[in-house]
Amino acid sequence: MSKLLHFLLAFIILVTALYFTSMSRKEIKFRFVIQLIIIEIVVAYFLLKSEAGANSIHVISLGFEYIMQYAMEGTKFVFGSVVPDNFVFFFNVLMPIVLVSALIGILQYLKILPLIIRGGGWILSKINGMGKLESFNALSSLILGQSENFIAYKNILSQISERRMYTMAATAMSTVSLGIVGSYMQILDSKYIIAALILNMLSTFIVLHILNPYEQSQEQSFEDMSLHSGKKQTFFEVLSEYTLDGFKVAIIVGAMLIGFIALISMLNGIFNGIFGLTFQSLLGLIFSPLAWLLGISANEMVQAGGIIATKLVSNEFVAMLYLKEHLTQFSSHSVAIISIFLVSFANFSSIGIVVGAVAALNSERAKFVSRHGWRLVYGATMVSFLSALIAGAVI
C-alpha cells in the first residue's frame, strides 16, 4: 500500500470514529476541519522537513539545553557529590522542572505570559473556527500545564457551559506544559518534542470540531466574563510559589514513575509466569493495529503498540523511558511517530489530575468533567494519533 493511501485510510478511520462518537453531528463544520488539516500538514512539513524549520527547532532546543545546564548547577549545590556524572532520571529530568517553573512564574509576574496567551489566542481564534476562550485556553494549557491552567479561569468557571467545559478539559489533556518540556528533551529527540507541541494544538481543534461541535453564537462572549482576581502578590511571593510548585510537580512525577514502573514490572512477571507472555507484550498485540495505522512497519508494530499502550495506562514519562531503552530496535521513521504520539497528557491518570484541579475551584464543573472522563481520554488519544499520523506522513 502506498504511503498516501495508507495515510488516507488511517485518516478516514479516525474521522469516522470521531463522527460516530460526536456529541452533535449536525453542528460539525467540516470546512474548518479541512482548513486546519491543510495548515497542520504545512506546519509539520516546515518543522520536520525544511531547513528553516530545523534551524528554528535547533534554536529552541539550544535554549532549553542552557536552562537544563543552569538547573544542574542548582541541583549540584543542594545535593553535592551525590549527583553522578552519568544520566540519572531524578537529577537530569525531574530537578530541572523547578527552574523552568520559576521562570514561568517570573514571566507571569511581568505580565509577559498573559500577553503571549492573549495575543496568540487571538491569532488562533481567527484560523480555528472556535471562540477566543477556547483559543486562549489552548495556549495557557501549553504554557501553564493541565492543572495550573484552570486557576487562570477560576472566576469564570461557573459561567462556562458544559460543552465549553469539555473543550477546556480536553485541551488540557491533549497538550503538555512547558515546565516539563525540557525534561522530555533529556529522554527523546528535541525536534519531535517541539513539533508535537505545535501539532497537538492544531490536532486538538480538529478533533474537537468533530467530537464536540457547538455554535459559538450560543456561548457567552469571552469579553463579558471577568478573569480578574483580587489577589495581588509581590515578585518574591510569585517566585517562591512557582518554585515550590515546580518541586511538587517533580516529586509527584517521580512518585508516579516509581509506582507505575514497579506495577508494570510486577504485571510483566505475573503474566510471563502464567501465560509465558509479558503484560506489555499483550498490550502490544492489542494496540498493534493502531501502530500499523500510524505507518509503523509490521515487524515493529507489536513493540510500538506496547509503548503506546503503556503511555495510555500509565503516563508519557514511563512510555518515553521504555522507548529510550529500545531505540535501536526501531527505524528512525518509527521513532519519530512514536515520540510525537507520546508528547501529551492523554492517559487515565490525567483524569484524576484534571478533575482534582477543577474540583478545587468549582465542584459542579468537576462532576461534569468526571462524568466525561472516558470521553476525554478517547478524544485526547485521537489528538495524539492525528499528530503522529501527519508527522509520519511528511517525514
Protein backbone atom coordinates (compact mmCIF):
# COMPACT_ATOMS: atom_id res chain seq x y z
CA MET A 1 0.00 0.00 0.00
CA SER A 2 1.40 3.40 -0.96
CA LYS A 3 2.20 5.98 1.70
CA LEU A 4 -0.60 8.31 0.52
CA LEU A 5 -3.25 5.56 0.51
CA HIS A 6 -2.14 4.40 3.96
CA PHE A 7 -2.43 7.95 5.29
CA LEU A 8 -5.89 8.42 3.72
CA LEU A 9 -7.10 5.09 5.14
CA ALA A 10 -5.91 5.98 8.66
CA PHE A 11 -7.35 9.49 8.42
CA ILE A 12 -10.74 8.22 7.20
CA ILE A 13 -10.88 5.70 10.08
CA LEU A 14 -10.03 8.50 12.55
CA VAL A 15 -12.69 10.89 11.20
CA THR A 16 -15.30 8.09 11.05
CA ALA A 17 -14.63 7.08 14.66
CA LEU A 18 -14.93 10.71 15.78
CA TYR A 19 -18.05 11.30 13.69
CA PHE A 20 -19.96 8.37 15.18
CA THR A 21 -18.98 9.39 18.73
CA SER A 22 -19.69 13.09 18.18
CA MET A 23 -21.87 14.93 20.70
CA SER A 24 -23.72 16.71 17.88
CA ARG A 25 -23.12 15.58 14.29
CA LYS A 26 -25.42 18.24 12.85
CA GLU A 27 -23.20 21.04 14.16
CA ILE A 28 -19.92 19.75 12.69
CA LYS A 29 -18.28 22.32 10.41
CA PHE A 30 -16.09 20.30 8.07
CA ARG A 31 -14.84 23.48 6.40
CA PHE A 32 -12.75 24.26 9.47
CA VAL A 33 -11.64 20.62 9.77
CA ILE A 34 -10.29 20.65 6.21
CA GLN A 35 -8.75 24.10 6.70
CA LEU A 36 -6.95 23.03 9.86
CA ILE A 37 -5.75 19.74 8.34
CA ILE A 38 -4.10 21.65 5.47
CA ILE A 39 -2.50 24.10 7.92
CA GLU A 40 -1.23 21.25 10.12
CA ILE A 41 0.33 19.40 7.18
CA VAL A 42 2.11 22.59 6.09
CA VAL A 43 3.31 23.23 9.66
CA ALA A 44 4.50 19.61 10.02
CA TYR A 45 6.42 19.85 6.75
CA PHE A 46 8.01 23.14 7.85
CA LEU A 47 9.08 21.79 11.23
CA LEU A 48 10.23 18.32 10.19
CA LYS A 49 11.40 18.64 6.59
CA SER A 50 12.51 22.22 5.87
CA GLU A 51 15.89 23.73 6.73
CA ALA A 52 14.22 26.81 8.23
CA GLY A 53 12.11 24.61 10.49
CA ALA A 54 15.15 22.59 11.55
CA ASN A 55 17.01 25.81 12.39
CA SER A 56 14.07 27.12 14.42
CA ILE A 57 13.88 23.89 16.39
CA HIS A 58 17.65 23.96 16.94
CA VAL A 59 17.46 27.46 18.45
CA ILE A 60 14.61 26.48 20.79
CA SER A 61 16.40 23.26 21.76
CA LEU A 62 19.56 25.20 22.49
CA GLY A 63 17.62 27.50 24.81
CA PHE A 64 16.25 24.53 26.76
CA GLU A 65 19.71 22.98 26.81
CA TYR A 66 21.13 26.04 28.55
CA ILE A 67 18.25 26.04 31.01
CA MET A 68 18.98 22.39 31.82
CA GLN A 69 22.65 23.25 32.45
CA TYR A 70 21.76 26.11 34.79
CA ALA A 71 19.25 23.86 36.55
CA MET A 72 22.01 21.32 37.15
CA GLU A 73 24.06 23.99 38.93
CA GLY A 74 21.29 24.41 41.49
CA THR A 75 20.89 20.65 41.80
CA LYS A 76 24.61 20.12 42.42
CA PHE A 77 24.66 22.88 45.05
CA VAL A 78 21.90 21.15 47.05
CA PHE A 79 22.89 17.50 46.52
CA GLY A 80 26.66 17.98 46.16
CA SER A 81 28.70 14.87 45.43
CA VAL A 82 25.54 12.76 45.38
CA VAL A 83 24.92 13.98 41.80
CA PRO A 84 26.73 11.49 39.49
CA ASP A 85 28.36 12.35 36.17
CA ASN A 86 26.22 9.84 34.27
CA PHE A 87 22.50 10.26 33.48
CA VAL A 88 20.19 9.81 36.47
CA PHE A 89 16.48 10.47 35.92
CA PHE A 90 15.87 12.24 39.23
CA PHE A 91 18.69 14.76 38.78
CA ASN A 92 18.72 15.20 34.99
CA VAL A 93 14.99 15.13 34.28
CA LEU A 94 12.98 15.91 37.42
CA MET A 95 15.03 18.60 39.15
CA PRO A 96 15.17 20.99 36.12
CA ILE A 97 11.37 21.29 36.39
CA VAL A 98 11.95 23.53 39.42
CA LEU A 99 13.92 26.15 37.44
CA VAL A 100 11.54 26.09 34.45
CA SER A 101 8.57 26.56 36.78
CA ALA A 102 10.33 29.52 38.45
CA LEU A 103 10.96 31.13 35.03
CA ILE A 104 7.28 30.73 34.14
CA GLY A 105 6.39 32.45 37.43
CA ILE A 106 8.66 35.40 36.56
CA LEU A 107 7.05 35.74 33.12
CA GLN A 108 3.65 35.59 34.77
CA TYR A 109 4.55 38.34 37.24
CA LEU A 110 5.95 40.58 34.49
CA LYS A 111 2.64 40.17 32.57
CA ILE A 112 4.55 38.73 29.60
CA LEU A 113 2.83 35.36 29.85
CA PRO A 114 -0.75 36.74 29.79
CA LEU A 115 0.24 38.90 26.82
CA ILE A 116 1.54 35.86 24.92
CA ILE A 117 -1.55 33.85 25.78
CA ARG A 118 -3.97 36.60 24.77
CA GLY A 119 -2.07 37.58 21.61
CA GLY A 120 -1.51 34.02 20.47
CA GLY A 121 -5.06 33.05 21.40
CA TRP A 122 -6.47 35.91 19.32
CA ILE A 123 -4.48 34.73 16.27
CA LEU A 124 -5.55 31.11 16.83
CA SER A 125 -9.21 32.09 17.09
CA LYS A 126 -9.01 33.58 13.59
CA ILE A 127 -7.94 30.30 11.99
CA ASN A 128 -9.52 27.56 14.07
CA GLY A 129 -13.19 28.50 13.89
CA MET A 130 -13.54 28.44 17.66
CA GLY A 131 -14.03 31.20 20.21
CA LYS A 132 -11.39 33.29 21.95
CA LEU A 133 -11.82 31.44 25.24
CA GLU A 134 -11.07 28.09 23.59
CA SER A 135 -8.04 29.53 21.82
CA PHE A 136 -6.69 31.29 24.93
CA ASN A 137 -7.19 28.05 26.85
CA ALA A 138 -5.15 26.06 24.32
CA LEU A 139 -2.15 28.34 24.80
CA SER A 140 -2.47 28.66 28.56
CA SER A 141 -2.69 24.84 28.86
CA LEU A 142 0.52 24.56 26.86
CA ILE A 143 2.36 27.13 28.98
CA LEU A 144 0.91 26.63 32.45
CA GLY A 145 0.01 22.94 32.44
CA GLN A 146 -3.20 20.94 32.83
CA SER A 147 -3.87 21.73 36.50
CA GLU A 148 -2.45 25.24 36.83
CA ASN A 149 -4.29 26.26 33.66
CA PHE A 150 -7.72 26.21 35.31
CA ILE A 151 -6.59 28.63 38.01
CA ALA A 152 -6.41 31.33 35.33
CA TYR A 153 -10.15 30.83 34.72
CA LYS A 154 -11.32 30.21 38.27
CA ASN A 155 -13.51 33.33 38.34
CA ILE A 156 -15.49 32.33 35.23
CA LEU A 157 -15.82 28.53 35.55
CA SER A 158 -19.42 28.86 36.76
CA GLN A 159 -20.24 30.92 33.65
CA ILE A 160 -18.86 28.36 31.20
CA SER A 161 -21.31 25.93 29.58
CA GLU A 162 -20.78 22.18 29.92
CA ARG A 163 -19.88 21.76 26.23
CA ARG A 164 -17.30 24.53 26.52
CA MET A 165 -16.02 23.00 29.75
CA TYR A 166 -15.42 19.73 27.92
CA THR A 167 -13.36 21.59 25.31
CA MET A 168 -11.21 23.19 28.02
CA ALA A 169 -10.63 19.88 29.83
CA ALA A 170 -9.90 18.04 26.58
CA THR A 171 -7.38 20.70 25.57
CA ALA A 172 -5.60 20.38 28.92
CA MET A 173 -5.21 16.62 28.37
CA SER A 174 -4.07 16.95 24.76
CA THR A 175 -1.08 19.21 25.42
CA VAL A 176 1.86 19.28 27.84
CA SER A 177 3.18 22.15 29.91
CA LEU A 178 6.38 23.99 29.08
CA GLY A 179 7.51 23.27 32.61
CA ILE A 180 8.38 19.67 31.70
CA VAL A 181 9.30 20.08 28.02
CA GLY A 182 12.98 20.42 28.89
CA SER A 183 12.75 17.19 30.87
CA TYR A 184 11.25 15.38 27.87
CA MET A 185 14.23 16.58 25.81
CA GLN A 186 16.56 14.74 28.18
CA ILE A 187 14.91 11.49 27.07
CA LEU A 188 13.88 11.91 23.41
CA ASP A 189 14.95 13.95 20.38
CA SER A 190 14.03 17.60 20.96
CA LYS A 191 12.79 18.16 17.40
CA TYR A 192 9.98 15.67 17.91
CA ILE A 193 9.06 17.19 21.26
CA ILE A 194 8.80 20.71 19.84
CA ALA A 195 6.97 19.55 16.70
CA ALA A 196 4.46 17.63 18.84
CA LEU A 197 3.67 20.71 20.96
CA ILE A 198 2.54 22.67 17.90
CA LEU A 199 0.92 19.78 16.03
CA ASN A 200 -1.09 18.73 19.09
CA MET A 201 -2.57 22.19 19.41
CA LEU A 202 -3.84 22.08 15.82
CA SER A 203 -4.95 18.44 16.16
CA THR A 204 -6.92 19.35 19.28
CA PHE A 205 -9.03 21.87 17.36
CA ILE A 206 -9.62 19.37 14.54
CA VAL A 207 -10.73 16.59 16.89
CA LEU A 208 -12.95 18.90 18.94
CA HIS A 209 -14.60 20.31 15.81
CA ILE A 210 -15.91 16.79 15.15
CA LEU A 211 -16.23 15.30 18.63
CA ASN A 212 -17.69 18.33 20.44
CA PRO A 213 -19.04 20.91 17.97
CA TYR A 214 -21.23 23.79 19.11
CA GLU A 215 -22.30 27.21 17.88
CA GLN A 216 -20.11 29.97 19.26
CA SER A 217 -23.03 32.40 18.97
CA GLN A 218 -24.82 30.41 21.68
CA GLU A 219 -21.93 30.84 24.11
CA GLN A 220 -21.33 33.80 26.37
CA SER A 221 -18.75 36.19 24.97
CA PHE A 222 -15.29 35.86 26.50
CA GLU A 223 -15.14 39.65 26.84
CA ASP A 224 -18.23 39.56 29.08
CA MET A 225 -16.52 37.25 31.56
CA SER A 226 -14.27 38.55 34.30
CA LEU A 227 -10.84 36.89 34.58
CA HIS A 228 -9.52 39.32 37.15
CA SER A 229 -8.70 38.22 40.66
CA GLY A 230 -8.38 40.48 43.66
CA LYS A 231 -5.26 38.64 44.84
CA LYS A 232 -2.04 40.59 44.32
CA GLN A 233 1.38 39.15 45.01
CA THR A 234 4.86 40.58 45.24
CA PHE A 235 7.64 39.37 42.93
CA PHE A 236 9.20 37.13 45.57
CA GLU A 237 5.81 35.67 46.54
CA VAL A 238 5.22 34.65 42.91
CA LEU A 239 8.77 33.34 42.52
CA SER A 240 8.54 31.28 45.72
CA GLU A 241 5.11 29.93 44.80
CA TYR A 242 6.14 28.78 41.31
CA THR A 243 9.47 27.38 42.52
CA LEU A 244 7.70 25.29 45.17
CA ASP A 245 5.06 24.24 42.62
CA GLY A 246 7.84 23.07 40.33
CA PHE A 247 9.39 20.99 43.09
CA LYS A 248 6.00 19.48 43.95
CA VAL A 249 5.47 18.51 40.30
CA ALA A 250 8.93 16.93 40.17
CA ILE A 251 8.29 14.86 43.30
CA ILE A 252 4.80 13.85 42.14
CA VAL A 253 6.12 12.75 38.74
CA GLY A 254 8.90 10.82 40.48
CA ALA A 255 6.42 9.07 42.80
CA MET A 256 4.14 8.18 39.89
CA LEU A 257 7.09 6.74 37.94
CA ILE A 258 8.19 4.59 40.88
CA GLY A 259 4.65 3.27 41.28
CA PHE A 260 3.82 2.75 37.61
CA ILE A 261 7.14 1.20 36.56
CA ALA A 262 7.11 -1.10 39.60
CA LEU A 263 3.50 -2.09 38.88
CA ILE A 264 4.19 -2.76 35.19
CA SER A 265 7.28 -4.81 36.09
CA MET A 266 5.19 -6.83 38.55
CA LEU A 267 2.45 -7.41 35.95
CA ASN A 268 5.09 -8.43 33.40
CA GLY A 269 6.41 -11.02 35.84
CA ILE A 270 2.95 -12.36 36.71
CA PHE A 271 1.79 -12.58 33.08
CA ASN A 272 5.07 -14.12 31.98
CA GLY A 273 4.87 -16.74 34.72
CA ILE A 274 1.26 -17.69 33.95
CA PHE A 275 0.95 -17.18 30.18
CA GLY A 276 4.58 -17.06 29.01
CA LEU A 277 3.83 -13.56 27.72
CA THR A 278 4.55 -10.25 29.45
CA PHE A 279 1.80 -7.73 30.19
CA GLN A 280 3.38 -5.20 27.82
CA SER A 281 3.62 -7.80 25.05
CA LEU A 282 -0.10 -8.45 25.46
CA LEU A 283 -0.82 -4.72 25.29
CA GLY A 284 1.40 -4.54 22.24
CA LEU A 285 -0.68 -7.17 20.47
CA ILE A 286 -3.90 -5.35 21.32
CA PHE A 287 -2.61 -1.96 20.19
CA SER A 288 -0.56 -3.17 17.21
CA PRO A 289 -3.34 -2.28 14.69
CA LEU A 290 -3.17 1.32 15.95
CA ALA A 291 0.61 1.32 15.45
CA TRP A 292 0.16 -0.10 11.94
CA LEU A 293 -2.36 2.61 11.05
CA LEU A 294 0.21 5.21 12.11
CA GLY A 295 2.57 3.85 9.46
CA ILE A 296 4.81 1.69 11.64
CA SER A 297 6.10 -1.41 9.84
CA ALA A 298 4.70 -4.86 10.60
CA ASN A 299 7.88 -6.13 12.27
CA GLU A 300 7.83 -3.18 14.73
CA MET A 301 4.13 -2.64 15.33
CA VAL A 302 3.69 -5.03 18.29
CA GLN A 303 6.50 -3.47 20.30
CA ALA A 304 5.35 0.02 19.26
CA GLY A 305 1.80 -0.87 20.30
CA GLY A 306 3.12 -1.86 23.72
CA ILE A 307 4.77 1.56 24.20
CA ILE A 308 1.63 3.37 23.01
CA ALA A 309 -0.49 1.33 25.43
CA THR A 310 1.98 1.92 28.26
CA LYS A 311 1.52 5.67 27.82
CA LEU A 312 -2.26 5.29 27.90
CA VAL A 313 -2.47 3.16 31.04
CA SER A 314 0.34 4.89 32.96
CA ASN A 315 1.85 8.17 31.71
CA GLU A 316 4.06 9.61 28.98
CA PHE A 317 7.26 9.56 31.07
CA VAL A 318 7.05 5.79 31.61
CA ALA A 319 6.47 5.21 27.89
CA MET A 320 9.29 7.59 26.91
CA LEU A 321 11.74 5.72 29.13
CA TYR A 322 10.77 2.41 27.52
CA LEU A 323 11.22 3.94 24.06
CA LYS A 324 14.62 5.33 25.06
CA GLU A 325 15.71 1.87 26.19
CA HIS A 326 14.68 0.28 22.88
CA LEU A 327 15.57 3.00 20.35
CA THR A 328 17.89 0.70 18.40
CA GLN A 329 15.03 -1.73 17.77
CA PHE A 330 13.05 0.83 15.76
CA SER A 331 13.64 2.60 12.46
CA SER A 332 14.10 6.39 12.57
CA HIS A 333 10.65 6.76 10.98
CA SER A 334 9.00 4.70 13.73
CA VAL A 335 10.91 6.58 16.45
CA ALA A 336 9.57 9.88 15.09
CA ILE A 337 5.96 8.63 15.02
CA ILE A 338 6.06 7.08 18.49
CA SER A 339 7.88 10.09 20.00
CA ILE A 340 5.27 12.54 18.73
CA PHE A 341 2.45 10.27 19.89
CA LEU A 342 3.87 10.22 23.43
CA VAL A 343 4.03 14.00 23.90
CA SER A 344 0.69 14.68 25.58
CA PHE A 345 -1.14 14.10 28.87
CA ALA A 346 -3.58 11.67 27.20
CA ASN A 347 -3.73 8.92 29.82
CA PHE A 348 -6.05 7.67 32.53
CA SER A 349 -4.08 9.23 35.39
CA SER A 350 -4.69 12.66 33.86
CA ILE A 351 -8.43 12.34 34.51
CA GLY A 352 -7.79 12.48 38.24
CA ILE A 353 -5.42 15.43 37.85
CA VAL A 354 -7.89 17.46 35.79
CA VAL A 355 -10.88 16.58 37.98
CA GLY A 356 -8.90 17.45 41.11
CA ALA A 357 -7.77 20.79 39.68
CA VAL A 358 -11.32 21.76 38.67
CA ALA A 359 -12.82 20.45 41.93
CA ALA A 360 -10.60 22.81 43.92
CA LEU A 361 -12.21 25.71 42.04
CA ASN A 362 -15.76 24.60 41.15
CA SER A 363 -17.30 21.32 42.35
CA GLU A 364 -20.18 21.32 39.83
CA ARG A 365 -17.86 21.63 36.84
CA ALA A 366 -15.64 18.92 38.37
CA LYS A 367 -18.59 16.50 38.44
CA PHE A 368 -19.20 17.15 34.73
CA VAL A 369 -15.53 16.55 33.87
CA SER A 370 -15.55 13.34 35.93
CA ARG A 371 -18.64 12.02 34.11
CA HIS A 372 -16.89 12.51 30.78
CA GLY A 373 -13.55 11.05 31.85
CA TRP A 374 -13.52 8.19 29.34
CA ARG A 375 -14.52 10.51 26.51
CA LEU A 376 -11.73 12.92 27.47
CA VAL A 377 -9.09 10.19 27.28
CA TYR A 378 -10.57 8.98 23.99
CA GLY A 379 -10.52 12.47 22.45
CA ALA A 380 -7.01 13.26 23.71
CA THR A 381 -5.71 9.93 22.35
CA MET A 382 -7.24 10.79 18.97
CA VAL A 383 -5.32 14.09 19.08
CA SER A 384 -2.05 12.22 19.65
CA PHE A 385 -2.96 9.78 16.87
CA LEU A 386 -3.63 12.58 14.38
CA SER A 387 -0.41 14.46 15.21
CA ALA A 388 1.68 11.30 14.89
CA LEU A 389 -0.11 10.30 11.68
CA ILE A 390 0.58 13.65 9.97
CA ALA A 391 4.18 13.73 11.20
CA GLY A 392 4.79 10.22 9.91
CA ALA A 393 3.31 11.11 6.53
CA VAL A 394 5.59 14.12 5.94
CA ILE A 395 8.84 12.61 7.26
